[in-house]
Amino acid sequence: MGLDFYGVDPETGDKGSPMVWLDREKKELVFQGWKPDEVTEFKIDTTEWVTGHSVGIPDNEIVNRIPLRMAATIRKALDDAERDGLL
């Protein structure tokens, strides 16, 4: 089964673009976003965000930056997932 496309950053133009998809089979949201800048990576690599959670980004994970203006797009994907019994 494929991914359901929900939207692209409306201010993206043709310069690469944060996007949102819903993977119904895996029950996951999929984000394409900007790579974090060096300051963000440093903060993540040196801050214990959750007590007991290791510091840093595990090798099998990435961090994306998604603009807040995409909140409605993300909310729509979540609402549809909830409506369809995926949550």
N, C-alpha and C. Protein backbone atom coordinates (compact mmCIF):
# COMPACT_ATOMS: atom_id res chain seq x y z
N MET A 1 0.84 -1.18 0.00
CA MET A 1 0.00 0.00 0.00
C MET A 1 0.89 1.24 0.00
N GLY A 2 0.49 2.27 -0.69
CA GLY A 2 1.28 3.49 -0.80
C GLY A 2 1.03 4.46 0.32
N LEU A 3 1.59 5.62 0.17
CA LEU A 3 1.42 6.70 1.12
C LEU A 3 0.36 7.66 0.60
N ASP A 4 -0.49 8.13 1.49
CA ASP A 4 -1.48 9.15 1.13
C ASP A 4 -0.83 10.52 1.33
N PHE A 5 -0.75 11.29 0.27
CA PHE A 5 -0.14 12.61 0.32
C PHE A 5 -1.13 13.60 0.91
N TYR A 6 -0.66 14.41 1.87
CA TYR A 6 -1.54 15.39 2.51
C TYR A 6 -1.20 16.82 2.17
N GLY A 7 0.04 17.12 1.91
CA GLY A 7 0.32 18.49 1.56
C GLY A 7 1.79 18.83 1.56
N VAL A 8 2.05 19.97 0.96
CA VAL A 8 3.40 20.51 0.84
C VAL A 8 3.39 21.92 1.44
N ASP A 9 4.51 22.33 1.96
CA ASP A 9 4.65 23.67 2.50
C ASP A 9 4.22 24.68 1.43
N PRO A 10 3.20 25.51 1.71
CA PRO A 10 2.71 26.44 0.71
C PRO A 10 3.72 27.50 0.29
N GLU A 11 4.76 27.69 1.08
CA GLU A 11 5.76 28.70 0.75
C GLU A 11 7.01 28.08 0.12
N THR A 12 6.92 26.86 -0.33
CA THR A 12 8.11 26.14 -0.78
C THR A 12 8.64 26.59 -2.13
N GLY A 13 7.76 26.99 -3.01
CA GLY A 13 8.23 27.30 -4.36
C GLY A 13 8.84 26.06 -4.98
N ASP A 14 9.99 26.21 -5.62
CA ASP A 14 10.63 25.05 -6.25
C ASP A 14 11.97 24.73 -5.58
N LYS A 15 12.09 25.02 -4.29
CA LYS A 15 13.37 24.89 -3.58
C LYS A 15 13.42 23.70 -2.64
N GLY A 16 12.74 22.62 -2.90
CA GLY A 16 12.67 21.54 -1.93
C GLY A 16 11.55 21.86 -0.97
N SER A 17 11.02 20.86 -0.32
CA SER A 17 9.78 21.18 0.34
C SER A 17 9.43 20.24 1.48
N PRO A 18 9.10 20.78 2.64
CA PRO A 18 8.50 19.95 3.67
C PRO A 18 7.16 19.41 3.16
N MET A 19 6.93 18.12 3.39
CA MET A 19 5.70 17.47 2.95
C MET A 19 5.21 16.53 4.04
N VAL A 20 3.93 16.17 3.97
CA VAL A 20 3.32 15.27 4.93
C VAL A 20 2.56 14.17 4.19
N TRP A 21 2.79 12.93 4.62
CA TRP A 21 2.05 11.77 4.11
C TRP A 21 1.51 10.97 5.29
N LEU A 22 0.53 10.12 5.02
CA LEU A 22 0.00 9.17 5.99
C LEU A 22 0.20 7.78 5.43
N ASP A 23 0.86 6.92 6.19
CA ASP A 23 1.02 5.52 5.84
C ASP A 23 -0.02 4.75 6.64
N ARG A 24 -1.12 4.40 5.99
CA ARG A 24 -2.23 3.74 6.69
C ARG A 24 -1.85 2.34 7.14
N GLU A 25 -1.09 1.64 6.35
CA GLU A 25 -0.72 0.26 6.69
C GLU A 25 0.13 0.21 7.96
N LYS A 26 1.11 1.10 8.05
CA LYS A 26 1.99 1.12 9.22
C LYS A 26 1.47 2.01 10.34
N LYS A 27 0.39 2.76 10.06
CA LYS A 27 -0.20 3.68 11.02
C LYS A 27 0.83 4.71 11.48
N GLU A 28 1.46 5.36 10.49
CA GLU A 28 2.50 6.35 10.76
C GLU A 28 2.32 7.58 9.89
N LEU A 29 2.71 8.73 10.44
CA LEU A 29 2.86 9.93 9.63
C LEU A 29 4.27 9.92 9.07
N VAL A 30 4.43 10.39 7.84
CA VAL A 30 5.74 10.46 7.20
C VAL A 30 5.99 11.93 6.86
N PHE A 31 7.13 12.44 7.28
CA PHE A 31 7.47 13.83 7.04
C PHE A 31 8.72 13.94 6.18
N GLN A 32 8.68 14.85 5.26
CA GLN A 32 9.89 15.30 4.58
C GLN A 32 10.11 16.72 5.06
N GLY A 33 11.30 17.01 5.53
CA GLY A 33 11.55 18.34 6.05
C GLY A 33 12.98 18.76 5.83
N TRP A 34 13.29 19.94 6.33
CA TRP A 34 14.64 20.44 6.21
C TRP A 34 15.55 19.72 7.20
N LYS A 35 16.80 19.57 6.83
CA LYS A 35 17.78 19.03 7.76
C LYS A 35 17.97 20.05 8.88
N PRO A 36 18.26 19.56 10.08
CA PRO A 36 18.50 20.50 11.16
C PRO A 36 19.80 21.26 10.96
N ASP A 37 19.84 22.48 11.45
CA ASP A 37 21.08 23.24 11.37
C ASP A 37 22.04 22.75 12.46
N GLU A 38 23.26 23.25 12.46
CA GLU A 38 24.28 22.80 13.40
C GLU A 38 23.89 23.08 14.85
N VAL A 39 23.21 24.19 15.09
CA VAL A 39 22.80 24.53 16.45
C VAL A 39 21.79 23.50 16.96
N THR A 40 20.82 23.16 16.13
CA THR A 40 19.82 22.17 16.53
C THR A 40 20.48 20.82 16.78
N GLU A 41 21.34 20.38 15.89
CA GLU A 41 22.02 19.10 16.08
C GLU A 41 22.84 19.10 17.36
N PHE A 42 23.53 20.21 17.64
CA PHE A 42 24.32 20.30 18.86
C PHE A 42 23.42 20.16 20.08
N LYS A 43 22.30 20.88 20.08
CA LYS A 43 21.38 20.83 21.22
C LYS A 43 20.86 19.41 21.43
N ILE A 44 20.49 18.74 20.35
CA ILE A 44 19.97 17.38 20.47
C ILE A 44 21.07 16.42 20.92
N ASP A 45 22.27 16.61 20.45
CA ASP A 45 23.37 15.72 20.80
C ASP A 45 23.88 15.93 22.22
N THR A 46 23.49 17.03 22.86
CA THR A 46 24.04 17.32 24.19
C THR A 46 22.97 17.48 25.27
N THR A 47 21.72 17.34 24.93
CA THR A 47 20.64 17.55 25.88
C THR A 47 19.90 16.25 26.15
N GLU A 48 19.68 15.96 27.41
CA GLU A 48 18.85 14.81 27.76
C GLU A 48 17.41 15.30 27.78
N TRP A 49 16.67 15.00 26.74
CA TRP A 49 15.31 15.52 26.58
C TRP A 49 14.32 14.84 27.51
N VAL A 50 14.50 13.56 27.71
CA VAL A 50 13.58 12.80 28.55
C VAL A 50 14.42 12.02 29.56
N THR A 51 14.08 12.13 30.82
CA THR A 51 14.84 11.41 31.84
C THR A 51 14.92 9.93 31.49
N GLY A 52 16.13 9.42 31.48
CA GLY A 52 16.33 8.02 31.18
C GLY A 52 16.53 7.71 29.71
N HIS A 53 16.29 8.67 28.84
CA HIS A 53 16.50 8.48 27.40
C HIS A 53 17.92 8.89 27.07
N SER A 54 18.57 8.11 26.23
CA SER A 54 19.95 8.46 25.89
C SER A 54 20.01 9.78 25.13
N VAL A 55 21.12 10.45 25.25
CA VAL A 55 21.35 11.72 24.59
C VAL A 55 21.72 11.47 23.13
N GLY A 56 21.27 12.34 22.25
CA GLY A 56 21.66 12.26 20.85
C GLY A 56 20.61 11.60 19.98
N ILE A 57 20.95 11.48 18.71
CA ILE A 57 20.06 10.91 17.70
C ILE A 57 20.59 9.52 17.35
N PRO A 58 19.81 8.47 17.61
CA PRO A 58 20.27 7.12 17.26
C PRO A 58 20.53 7.00 15.76
N ASP A 59 21.39 6.07 15.40
CA ASP A 59 21.76 5.89 13.99
C ASP A 59 20.56 5.57 13.09
N ASN A 60 19.51 4.98 13.64
CA ASN A 60 18.36 4.62 12.81
C ASN A 60 17.27 5.69 12.81
N GLU A 61 17.57 6.89 13.30
CA GLU A 61 16.61 7.99 13.33
C GLU A 61 17.20 9.24 12.70
N ILE A 62 16.30 10.16 12.31
CA ILE A 62 16.71 11.47 11.80
C ILE A 62 15.83 12.54 12.44
N VAL A 63 16.23 13.76 12.30
CA VAL A 63 15.45 14.90 12.77
C VAL A 63 15.12 15.74 11.55
N ASN A 64 13.84 16.11 11.43
CA ASN A 64 13.40 17.02 10.36
C ASN A 64 12.85 18.28 11.00
N ARG A 65 13.00 19.38 10.32
CA ARG A 65 12.37 20.62 10.74
C ARG A 65 11.17 20.86 9.84
N ILE A 66 10.00 21.06 10.45
CA ILE A 66 8.75 21.27 9.73
C ILE A 66 8.20 22.63 10.18
N PRO A 67 7.86 23.52 9.25
CA PRO A 67 7.35 24.84 9.66
C PRO A 67 5.97 24.74 10.30
N LEU A 68 5.74 25.58 11.28
CA LEU A 68 4.45 25.59 11.97
C LEU A 68 3.29 25.89 11.03
N ARG A 69 3.56 26.56 9.93
CA ARG A 69 2.47 26.86 8.99
C ARG A 69 1.88 25.58 8.39
N MET A 70 2.54 24.43 8.61
CA MET A 70 2.01 23.16 8.11
C MET A 70 1.15 22.44 9.15
N ALA A 71 0.88 23.10 10.29
CA ALA A 71 0.10 22.48 11.35
C ALA A 71 -1.27 22.00 10.85
N ALA A 72 -1.94 22.78 10.03
CA ALA A 72 -3.27 22.37 9.53
C ALA A 72 -3.17 21.11 8.67
N THR A 73 -2.10 20.99 7.90
CA THR A 73 -1.89 19.81 7.06
C THR A 73 -1.66 18.58 7.93
N ILE A 74 -0.85 18.73 8.95
CA ILE A 74 -0.57 17.63 9.87
C ILE A 74 -1.84 17.25 10.62
N ARG A 75 -2.57 18.25 11.07
CA ARG A 75 -3.83 18.02 11.79
C ARG A 75 -4.82 17.26 10.91
N LYS A 76 -4.91 17.62 9.64
CA LYS A 76 -5.82 16.94 8.70
C LYS A 76 -5.45 15.46 8.57
N ALA A 77 -4.16 15.16 8.44
CA ALA A 77 -3.71 13.77 8.35
C ALA A 77 -4.08 13.01 9.63
N LEU A 78 -3.88 13.64 10.79
CA LEU A 78 -4.23 13.00 12.05
C LEU A 78 -5.74 12.81 12.19
N ASP A 79 -6.51 13.81 11.80
CA ASP A 79 -7.97 13.70 11.86
C ASP A 79 -8.47 12.56 10.98
N ASP A 80 -7.91 12.44 9.78
CA ASP A 80 -8.32 11.36 8.88
C ASP A 80 -7.93 10.00 9.45
N ALA A 81 -6.73 9.92 10.03
CA ALA A 81 -6.29 8.66 10.63
C ALA A 81 -7.21 8.26 11.79
N GLU A 82 -7.60 9.24 12.59
CA GLU A 82 -8.50 8.96 13.70
C GLU A 82 -9.88 8.54 13.18
N ARG A 83 -10.39 9.27 12.21
CA ARG A 83 -11.70 8.96 11.62
C ARG A 83 -11.74 7.54 11.06
N ASP A 84 -10.62 7.11 10.48
CA ASP A 84 -10.55 5.79 9.87
C ASP A 84 -10.15 4.69 10.85
N GLY A 85 -10.08 5.03 12.14
CA GLY A 85 -9.80 4.02 13.16
C GLY A 85 -8.35 3.59 13.25
N LEU A 86 -7.44 4.42 12.73
CA LEU A 86 -6.03 4.06 12.77
C LEU A 86 -5.37 4.43 14.10
N LEU A 87 -5.99 5.35 14.84
CA LEU A 87 -5.43 5.77 16.13
C LEU A 87 -6.11 5.03 17.26
